[in-house]
Amino acid sequence: MDMKMAKVGKSLKVRKKKSVQRSRIKARRWPSLFYKMP
């Protein structure tokens, strides 16, 4: 799980920059689910 989370964290950082606007819209509807999803 640790290795998986590390890979996800790296990809999330890169994807976050590109999908910041989309993330904000999703965060409004699913604030806890969006960030808690593995």
PDB file of N, CA and C in Angstrom:
ATOM      1  N   MET A   1       0.830  -1.198   0.000  1.00  0.00           N
ATOM      2  CA  MET A   1       0.000   0.000   0.000  1.00  0.00           C
ATOM      3  C   MET A   1       0.872   1.258   0.000  1.00  0.00           C
ATOM      4  N   ASP A   2       1.980   1.201   0.742  1.00  0.00           N
ATOM      5  CA  ASP A   2       2.847   2.381   0.801  1.00  0.00           C
ATOM      6  C   ASP A   2       3.390   2.715  -0.593  1.00  0.00           C
ATOM      7  N   MET A   3       3.865   1.688  -1.302  1.00  0.00           N
ATOM      8  CA  MET A   3       4.402   1.916  -2.647  1.00  0.00           C
ATOM      9  C   MET A   3       3.303   2.442  -3.564  1.00  0.00           C
ATOM     10  N   LYS A   4       2.110   1.892  -3.412  1.00  0.00           N
ATOM     11  CA  LYS A   4       1.001   2.330  -4.257  1.00  0.00           C
ATOM     12  C   LYS A   4       0.684   3.800  -3.975  1.00  0.00           C
ATOM     13  N   MET A   5       0.608   4.141  -2.711  1.00  0.00           N
ATOM     14  CA  MET A   5       0.287   5.526  -2.347  1.00  0.00           C
ATOM     15  C   MET A   5       1.361   6.477  -2.874  1.00  0.00           C
ATOM     16  N   ALA A   6       2.620   6.048  -2.823  1.00  0.00           N
ATOM     17  CA  ALA A   6       3.707   6.901  -3.315  1.00  0.00           C
ATOM     18  C   ALA A   6       3.521   7.166  -4.806  1.00  0.00           C
ATOM     19  N   LYS A   7       3.210   6.112  -5.556  1.00  0.00           N
ATOM     20  CA  LYS A   7       3.006   6.287  -7.003  1.00  0.00           C
ATOM     21  C   LYS A   7       1.802   7.179  -7.255  1.00  0.00           C
ATOM     22  N   VAL A   8       0.740   6.944  -6.498  1.00  0.00           N
ATOM     23  CA  VAL A   8      -0.470   7.758  -6.669  1.00  0.00           C
ATOM     24  C   VAL A   8      -0.175   9.207  -6.318  1.00  0.00           C
ATOM     25  N   GLY A   9       0.590   9.424  -5.257  1.00  0.00           N
ATOM     26  CA  GLY A   9       0.922  10.791  -4.847  1.00  0.00           C
ATOM     27  C   GLY A   9       1.687  11.518  -5.944  1.00  0.00           C
ATOM     28  N   LYS A  10       2.645  10.842  -6.557  1.00  0.00           N
ATOM     29  CA  LYS A  10       3.426  11.477  -7.630  1.00  0.00           C
ATOM     30  C   LYS A  10       2.529  11.816  -8.813  1.00  0.00           C
ATOM     31  N   SER A  11       1.682  10.877  -9.210  1.00  0.00           N
ATOM     32  CA  SER A  11       0.808  11.114 -10.356  1.00  0.00           C
ATOM     33  C   SER A  11      -0.227  12.176 -10.012  1.00  0.00           C
ATOM     34  N   LEU A  12      -0.683  12.181  -8.764  1.00  0.00           N
ATOM     35  CA  LEU A  12      -1.686  13.175  -8.357  1.00  0.00           C
ATOM     36  C   LEU A  12      -1.099  14.576  -8.451  1.00  0.00           C
ATOM     37  N   LYS A  13       0.152  14.735  -8.023  1.00  0.00           N
ATOM     38  CA  LYS A  13       0.782  16.062  -8.069  1.00  0.00           C
ATOM     39  C   LYS A  13       0.836  16.567  -9.507  1.00  0.00           C
ATOM     40  N   VAL A  14       1.182  15.682 -10.437  1.00  0.00           N
ATOM     41  CA  VAL A  14       1.275  16.094 -11.844  1.00  0.00           C
ATOM     42  C   VAL A  14      -0.116  16.341 -12.415  1.00  0.00           C
ATOM     43  N   ARG A  15      -1.047  15.451 -12.065  1.00  0.00           N
ATOM     44  CA  ARG A  15      -2.398  15.591 -12.609  1.00  0.00           C
ATOM     45  C   ARG A  15      -3.113  16.785 -11.985  1.00  0.00           C
ATOM     46  N   LYS A  16      -2.805  17.055 -10.721  1.00  0.00           N
ATOM     47  CA  LYS A  16      -3.485  18.152 -10.018  1.00  0.00           C
ATOM     48  C   LYS A  16      -3.276  19.467 -10.767  1.00  0.00           C
ATOM     49  N   LYS A  17      -2.061  19.710 -11.242  1.00  0.00           N
ATOM     50  CA  LYS A  17      -1.778  20.968 -11.937  1.00  0.00           C
ATOM     51  C   LYS A  17      -2.636  21.095 -13.195  1.00  0.00           C
ATOM     52  N   LYS A  18      -2.819  19.979 -13.900  1.00  0.00           N
ATOM     53  CA  LYS A  18      -3.580  20.037 -15.159  1.00  0.00           C
ATOM     54  C   LYS A  18      -5.081  20.061 -14.891  1.00  0.00           C
ATOM     55  N   SER A  19      -5.512  19.315 -13.878  1.00  0.00           N
ATOM     56  CA  SER A  19      -6.956  19.221 -13.607  1.00  0.00           C
ATOM     57  C   SER A  19      -7.321  19.972 -12.328  1.00  0.00           C
ATOM     58  N   VAL A  20      -6.699  21.130 -12.142  1.00  0.00           N
ATOM     59  CA  VAL A  20      -7.013  21.910 -10.931  1.00  0.00           C
ATOM     60  C   VAL A  20      -8.446  22.420 -11.008  1.00  0.00           C
ATOM     61  N   GLN A  21      -8.814  22.939 -12.167  1.00  0.00           N
ATOM     62  CA  GLN A  21     -10.175  23.474 -12.321  1.00  0.00           C
ATOM     63  C   GLN A  21     -11.201  22.365 -12.155  1.00  0.00           C
ATOM     64  N   ARG A  22     -10.943  21.206 -12.792  1.00  0.00           N
ATOM     65  CA  ARG A  22     -11.901  20.089 -12.685  1.00  0.00           C
ATOM     66  C   ARG A  22     -11.949  19.579 -11.244  1.00  0.00           C
ATOM     67  N   SER A  23     -10.781  19.554 -10.590  1.00  0.00           N
ATOM     68  CA  SER A  23     -10.733  19.068  -9.203  1.00  0.00           C
ATOM     69  C   SER A  23     -11.568  19.970  -8.306  1.00  0.00           C
ATOM     70  N   ARG A  24     -11.493  21.274  -8.543  1.00  0.00           N
ATOM     71  CA  ARG A  24     -12.260  22.206  -7.709  1.00  0.00           C
ATOM     72  C   ARG A  24     -13.747  21.942  -7.858  1.00  0.00           C
ATOM     73  N   ILE A  25     -14.190  21.711  -9.084  1.00  0.00           N
ATOM     74  CA  ILE A  25     -15.622  21.442  -9.311  1.00  0.00           C
ATOM     75  C   ILE A  25     -16.013  20.135  -8.629  1.00  0.00           C
ATOM     76  N   LYS A  26     -15.148  19.122  -8.739  1.00  0.00           N
ATOM     77  CA  LYS A  26     -15.459  17.822  -8.117  1.00  0.00           C
ATOM     78  C   LYS A  26     -15.383  17.947  -6.600  1.00  0.00           C
ATOM     79  N   ALA A  27     -14.432  18.736  -6.115  1.00  0.00           N
ATOM     80  CA  ALA A  27     -14.260  18.890  -4.664  1.00  0.00           C
ATOM     81  C   ALA A  27     -15.524  19.489  -4.054  1.00  0.00           C
ATOM     82  N   ARG A  28     -16.222  20.307  -4.814  1.00  0.00           N
ATOM     83  CA  ARG A  28     -17.448  20.923  -4.284  1.00  0.00           C
ATOM     84  C   ARG A  28     -18.514  19.857  -4.057  1.00  0.00           C
ATOM     85  N   ARG A  29     -18.618  18.912  -4.988  1.00  0.00           N
ATOM     86  CA  ARG A  29     -19.641  17.865  -4.858  1.00  0.00           C
ATOM     87  C   ARG A  29     -19.160  16.751  -3.933  1.00  0.00           C
ATOM     88  N   TRP A  30     -17.936  16.317  -4.137  1.00  0.00           N
ATOM     89  CA  TRP A  30     -17.393  15.206  -3.321  1.00  0.00           C
ATOM     90  C   TRP A  30     -16.086  15.636  -2.647  1.00  0.00           C
ATOM     91  N   PRO A  31     -16.167  16.444  -1.597  1.00  0.00           N
ATOM     92  CA  PRO A  31     -14.948  16.910  -0.918  1.00  0.00           C
ATOM     93  C   PRO A  31     -14.207  15.784  -0.213  1.00  0.00           C
ATOM     94  N   SER A  32     -14.932  14.968   0.558  1.00  0.00           N
ATOM     95  CA  SER A  32     -14.275  13.895   1.318  1.00  0.00           C
ATOM     96  C   SER A  32     -13.994  12.687   0.420  1.00  0.00           C
ATOM     97  N   LEU A  33     -14.940  12.323  -0.428  1.00  0.00           N
ATOM     98  CA  LEU A  33     -14.766  11.132  -1.276  1.00  0.00           C
ATOM     99  C   LEU A  33     -13.602  11.331  -2.242  1.00  0.00           C
ATOM    100  N   PHE A  34     -13.515  12.521  -2.843  1.00  0.00           N
ATOM    101  CA  PHE A  34     -12.486  12.768  -3.847  1.00  0.00           C
ATOM    102  C   PHE A  34     -11.079  12.600  -3.262  1.00  0.00           C
ATOM    103  N   TYR A  35     -10.879  13.102  -2.040  1.00  0.00           N
ATOM    104  CA  TYR A  35      -9.538  13.028  -1.455  1.00  0.00           C
ATOM    105  C   TYR A  35      -9.288  11.698  -0.754  1.00  0.00           C
ATOM    106  N   LYS A  36     -10.366  11.036  -0.295  1.00  0.00           N
ATOM    107  CA  LYS A  36     -10.189   9.770   0.420  1.00  0.00           C
ATOM    108  C   LYS A  36     -10.073   8.590  -0.540  1.00  0.00           C
ATOM    109  N   MET A  37     -10.479   8.762  -1.775  1.00  0.00           N
ATOM    110  CA  MET A  37     -10.406   7.661  -2.747  1.00  0.00           C
ATOM    111  C   MET A  37      -8.959   7.230  -2.939  1.00  0.00           C
ATOM    112  N   PRO A  38      -8.653   5.921  -2.838  1.00  0.00           N
ATOM    113  CA  PRO A  38      -7.276   5.420  -2.973  1.00  0.00           C
ATOM    114  C   PRO A  38      -6.784   5.377  -4.416  1.00  0.00           C
TER     115      PRO A  38
END
